[in-house]
C-alpha atoms as a PDB file:
ATOM      1  CA  MET A   1     -26.841-102.343-171.314  1.00  0.00           C
ATOM      2  CA  PRO A   2     -23.333-103.758-171.912  1.00  0.00           C
ATOM      3  CA  ARG A   3     -22.663-107.383-171.172  1.00  0.00           C
ATOM      4  CA  ILE A   4     -20.521-107.914-168.065  1.00  0.00           C
ATOM      5  CA  ARG A   5     -17.726-110.286-168.921  1.00  0.00           C
ATOM      6  CA  TYR A   6     -16.426-111.076-165.429  1.00  0.00           C
ATOM      7  CA  GLN A   7     -18.934-111.231-162.590  1.00  0.00           C
ATOM      8  CA  VAL A   8     -17.438-111.379-159.117  1.00  0.00           C
ATOM      9  CA  LYS A   9     -19.648-113.186-156.601  1.00  0.00           C
ATOM     10  CA  LEU A  10     -18.206-113.134-153.109  1.00  0.00           C
ATOM     11  CA  THR A  11     -19.242-115.278-150.183  1.00  0.00           C
ATOM     12  CA  GLU A  12     -19.928-113.741-146.770  1.00  0.00           C
ATOM     13  CA  GLU A  13     -16.526-114.898-145.495  1.00  0.00           C
ATOM     14  CA  GLU A  14     -14.698-113.400-148.486  1.00  0.00           C
ATOM     15  CA  ARG A  15     -16.614-110.149-148.117  1.00  0.00           C
ATOM     16  CA  ALA A  16     -15.743-109.989-144.394  1.00  0.00           C
ATOM     17  CA  MET A  17     -12.061-110.650-145.112  1.00  0.00           C
ATOM     18  CA  LEU A  18     -11.966-107.945-147.796  1.00  0.00           C
ATOM     19  CA  SER A  19     -13.773-105.494-145.502  1.00  0.00           C
ATOM     20  CA  ARG A  20     -11.193-106.102-142.764  1.00  0.00           C
ATOM     21  CA  LEU A  21      -8.359-105.626-145.251  1.00  0.00           C
ATOM     22  CA  ALA A  22      -9.868-102.442-146.693  1.00  0.00           C
ATOM     23  CA  GLY A  23     -10.452-101.046-143.199  1.00  0.00           C
ATOM     24  CA  THR A  24      -6.902-101.519-141.942  1.00  0.00           C
ATOM     25  CA  SER A  25      -3.695 -99.803-142.915  1.00  0.00           C
ATOM     26  CA  ARG A  26      -1.622-102.975-142.623  1.00  0.00           C
ATOM     27  CA  GLY A  27      -1.950-104.014-146.254  1.00  0.00           C
ATOM     28  CA  THR A  28      -0.096-102.443-149.139  1.00  0.00           C
ATOM     29  CA  PRO A  29      -1.937 -99.631-150.904  1.00  0.00           C
ATOM     30  CA  GLN A  30      -2.385-101.907-153.921  1.00  0.00           C
ATOM     31  CA  LYS A  31      -4.011-104.627-151.814  1.00  0.00           C
ATOM     32  CA  VAL A  32      -6.309-102.180-150.038  1.00  0.00           C
ATOM     33  CA  LYS A  33      -7.452-100.553-153.284  1.00  0.00           C
ATOM     34  CA  ASN A  34      -7.957-103.951-154.945  1.00  0.00           C
ATOM     35  CA  ALA A  35     -10.011-105.066-151.927  1.00  0.00           C
ATOM     36  CA  LEU A  36     -12.184-101.966-152.336  1.00  0.00           C
ATOM     37  CA  ILE A  37     -12.585-102.764-156.025  1.00  0.00           C
ATOM     38  CA  LEU A  38     -13.669-106.331-155.272  1.00  0.00           C
ATOM     39  CA  LEU A  39     -16.158-105.152-152.675  1.00  0.00           C
ATOM     40  CA  ALA A  40     -17.576-102.617-155.121  1.00  0.00           C
ATOM     41  CA  VAL A  41     -17.948-105.047-158.048  1.00  0.00           C
ATOM     42  CA  ASP A  42     -19.423-107.857-155.940  1.00  0.00           C
ATOM     43  CA  ARG A  43     -22.556-109.294-157.554  1.00  0.00           C
ATOM     44  CA  GLY A  44     -23.245-111.844-154.852  1.00  0.00           C
ATOM     45  CA  GLU A  45     -26.722-112.646-153.569  1.00  0.00           C
ATOM     46  CA  PHE A  46     -26.333-110.338-150.569  1.00  0.00           C
ATOM     47  CA  GLN A  47     -25.547-107.240-152.607  1.00  0.00           C
ATOM     48  CA  GLU A  48     -28.556-104.999-153.162  1.00  0.00           C
ATOM     49  CA  SER A  49     -26.979-102.357-155.424  1.00  0.00           C
ATOM     50  CA  HIS A  50     -24.693-102.833-158.398  1.00  0.00           C
ATOM     51  CA  ASN A  51     -22.299-100.071-159.368  1.00  0.00           C
ATOM     52  CA  THR A  52     -20.986 -99.674-162.888  1.00  0.00           C
ATOM     53  CA  ASP A  53     -17.263 -99.838-163.553  1.00  0.00           C
ATOM     54  CA  GLU A  54     -17.347 -96.181-164.613  1.00  0.00           C
ATOM     55  CA  ARG A  55     -18.881 -95.135-161.307  1.00  0.00           C
ATOM     56  CA  ILE A  56     -16.432 -97.265-159.290  1.00  0.00           C
ATOM     57  CA  ALA A  57     -13.488 -95.822-161.244  1.00  0.00           C
ATOM     58  CA  GLU A  58     -14.751 -92.325-160.540  1.00  0.00           C
ATOM     59  CA  ILE A  59     -15.226 -92.964-156.808  1.00  0.00           C
ATOM     60  CA  LEU A  60     -11.853 -94.691-156.288  1.00  0.00           C
ATOM     61  CA  ASP A  61     -10.026 -92.372-158.716  1.00  0.00           C
ATOM     62  CA  ILE A  62      -8.588 -95.226-160.788  1.00  0.00           C
ATOM     63  CA  ASP A  63      -8.668 -96.358-164.397  1.00  0.00           C
ATOM     64  CA  ARG A  64     -11.385 -98.739-165.598  1.00  0.00           C
ATOM     65  CA  SER A  65      -8.739-101.109-166.954  1.00  0.00           C
ATOM     66  CA  ARG A  66      -7.548-101.765-163.393  1.00  0.00           C
ATOM     67  CA  ILE A  67     -11.081-102.743-162.386  1.00  0.00           C
ATOM     68  CA  TYR A  68     -11.220-105.079-165.379  1.00  0.00           C
ATOM     69  CA  ARG A  69      -7.871-106.709-164.437  1.00  0.00           C
ATOM     70  CA  VAL A  70      -8.865-107.189-160.789  1.00  0.00           C
ATOM     71  CA  LYS A  71     -12.206-108.750-161.761  1.00  0.00           C
ATOM     72  CA  ARG A  72     -10.528-110.995-164.346  1.00  0.00           C
ATOM     73  CA  ASP A  73      -7.877-112.177-161.877  1.00  0.00           C
ATOM     74  CA  CYS A  74     -10.532-112.889-159.245  1.00  0.00           C
ATOM     75  CA  VAL A  75     -12.720-114.907-161.615  1.00  0.00           C
ATOM     76  CA  GLU A  76      -9.952-116.746-163.475  1.00  0.00           C
ATOM     77  CA  HIS A  77      -7.528-117.306-160.582  1.00  0.00           C
ATOM     78  CA  SER A  78      -8.391-116.399-156.988  1.00  0.00           C
ATOM     79  CA  ILE A  79      -9.049-113.508-154.647  1.00  0.00           C
ATOM     80  CA  GLU A  80      -5.424-113.595-153.479  1.00  0.00           C
ATOM     81  CA  VAL A  81      -4.182-113.197-157.049  1.00  0.00           C
ATOM     82  CA  ALA A  82      -6.658-110.369-157.581  1.00  0.00           C
ATOM     83  CA  LEU A  83      -5.329-108.625-154.462  1.00  0.00           C
ATOM     84  CA  THR A  84      -1.606-109.000-155.127  1.00  0.00           C
ATOM     85  CA  GLY A  85      -1.303-109.367-158.890  1.00  0.00           C
ATOM     86  CA  ARG A  86       0.277-112.193-160.818  1.00  0.00           C
ATOM     87  CA  THR A  87       3.943-111.369-160.359  1.00  0.00           C
ATOM     88  CA  ALA A  88       4.927-115.019-159.915  1.00  0.00           C
ATOM     89  CA  ASP A  89       3.763-115.823-163.443  1.00  0.00           C
ATOM     90  CA  ARG A  90       6.193-113.415-165.056  1.00  0.00           C
ATOM     91  CA  PHE A  91       8.911-115.015-167.088  1.00  0.00           C
ATOM     92  CA  HIS A  92      12.496-114.180-166.206  1.00  0.00           C
ATOM     93  CA  ARG A  93      15.084-115.166-168.756  1.00  0.00           C
ATOM     94  CA  ARG A  94      18.208-116.875-167.473  1.00  0.00           C
ATOM     95  CA  ARG A  95      21.415-114.900-167.908  1.00  0.00           C
ATOM     96  CA  LYS A  96      23.447-115.895-170.935  1.00  0.00           C
ATOM     97  CA  LEU A  97      26.834-115.230-169.321  1.00  0.00           C
ATOM     98  CA  ASP A  98      27.862-116.152-165.801  1.00  0.00           C
ATOM     99  CA  GLY A  99      30.527-114.285-163.845  1.00  0.00           C
ATOM    100  CA  GLU A 100      33.475-116.271-165.208  1.00  0.00           C
ATOM    101  CA  GLN A 101      32.294-115.898-168.793  1.00  0.00           C
ATOM    102  CA  GLU A 102      31.794-112.145-168.275  1.00  0.00           C
ATOM    103  CA  ALA A 103      35.373-111.907-166.974  1.00  0.00           C
ATOM    104  CA  GLN A 104      36.640-113.694-170.090  1.00  0.00           C
ATOM    105  CA  LEU A 105      34.610-111.328-172.279  1.00  0.00           C
ATOM    106  CA  VAL A 106      36.097-108.277-170.543  1.00  0.00           C
ATOM    107  CA  ALA A 107      39.604-109.736-170.886  1.00  0.00           C
ATOM    108  CA  ILE A 108      39.089-110.270-174.612  1.00  0.00           C
ATOM    109  CA  ALA A 109      37.607-106.786-175.043  1.00  0.00           C
ATOM    110  CA  CYS A 110      40.646-105.259-173.284  1.00  0.00           C
ATOM    111  CA  SER A 111      43.127-107.216-175.406  1.00  0.00           C
ATOM    112  CA  THR A 112      44.511-105.977-178.689  1.00  0.00           C
ATOM    113  CA  PRO A 113      42.009-106.263-181.546  1.00  0.00           C
ATOM    114  CA  PRO A 114      42.605-108.552-184.543  1.00  0.00           C
ATOM    115  CA  ALA A 115      44.913-107.396-187.317  1.00  0.00           C
ATOM    116  CA  GLY A 116      43.337-104.805-189.566  1.00  0.00           C
ATOM    117  CA  HIS A 117      41.029-103.417-186.851  1.00  0.00           C
ATOM    118  CA  SER A 118      41.598-100.510-184.516  1.00  0.00           C
ATOM    119  CA  GLN A 119      39.155-101.797-181.871  1.00  0.00           C
ATOM    120  CA  TRP A 120      36.872-104.708-181.110  1.00  0.00           C
ATOM    121  CA  SER A 121      33.322-104.564-182.473  1.00  0.00           C
ATOM    122  CA  LEU A 122      30.481-106.208-180.595  1.00  0.00           C
ATOM    123  CA  ARG A 123      29.993-108.726-183.402  1.00  0.00           C
ATOM    124  CA  MET A 124      33.704-109.621-183.406  1.00  0.00           C
ATOM    125  CA  LEU A 125      33.567-110.167-179.634  1.00  0.00           C
ATOM    126  CA  ALA A 126      30.484-112.380-179.993  1.00  0.00           C
ATOM    127  CA  ASP A 127      32.193-114.397-182.725  1.00  0.00           C
ATOM    128  CA  ARG A 128      35.361-114.744-180.604  1.00  0.00           C
ATOM    129  CA  LEU A 129      33.379-116.049-177.599  1.00  0.00           C
ATOM    130  CA  VAL A 130      31.782-118.709-179.818  1.00  0.00           C
ATOM    131  CA  GLU A 131      35.138-119.473-181.484  1.00  0.00           C
ATOM    132  CA  LEU A 132      36.804-120.025-178.100  1.00  0.00           C
ATOM    133  CA  LYS A 133      33.802-122.178-177.053  1.00  0.00           C
ATOM    134  CA  ILE A 134      33.059-119.987-174.049  1.00  0.00           C
ATOM    135  CA  VAL A 135      29.395-120.007-175.134  1.00  0.00           C
ATOM    136  CA  ASP A 136      27.449-121.918-177.790  1.00  0.00           C
ATOM    137  CA  SER A 137      25.866-118.783-179.241  1.00  0.00           C
ATOM    138  CA  ILE A 138      25.417-115.188-178.171  1.00  0.00           C
ATOM    139  CA  SER A 139      24.021-111.989-179.590  1.00  0.00           C
ATOM    140  CA  HIS A 140      26.131-108.907-180.130  1.00  0.00           C
ATOM    141  CA  GLU A 141      23.432-107.013-178.212  1.00  0.00           C
ATOM    142  CA  THR A 142      24.026-109.204-175.154  1.00  0.00           C
ATOM    143  CA  ILE A 143      27.735-108.421-175.463  1.00  0.00           C
ATOM    144  CA  GLY A 144      26.933-104.694-175.530  1.00  0.00           C
ATOM    145  CA  ARG A 145      24.677-104.875-172.455  1.00  0.00           C
ATOM    146  CA  THR A 146      27.255-106.889-170.549  1.00  0.00           C
ATOM    147  CA  LEU A 147      30.116-104.528-171.365  1.00  0.00           C
ATOM    148  CA  LYS A 148      27.977-101.494-170.594  1.00  0.00           C
ATOM    149  CA  LYS A 149      27.250-102.695-167.070  1.00  0.00           C
ATOM    150  CA  THR A 150      30.863-103.734-166.364  1.00  0.00           C
ATOM    151  CA  ARG A 151      32.458-100.428-167.361  1.00  0.00           C
END
């Protein structure tokens, strides 16, 4: 028999809350399905039968990896995290250029290119922004993404 890495043990109050959530249509589909998963994987003292992850996945028509993630989030974080997911932990990178800097980039890109060139390259634009001290450093790929969205 395989070793169970994350064992979810719910209290009576938690089980009642999850049952209410799973029985109503007020929650998002993700929350309702995750509540059903938690109820199914519960290994608390009041549970008489223990389903396998394979059986639960078959009944709920989901992938076993989702069951694993919900159990892990419940054990490592909380029931609320297991229900909603950990979206708050995701890292969002700050934008390299603000609106004024983007306007300066577009103005430079629309100007005549340096002598010996028929048009601006992304690398030349990145170098010009650093040369004019608009930014400390910037990638030519960032320049390309910025110009693509401003066209």
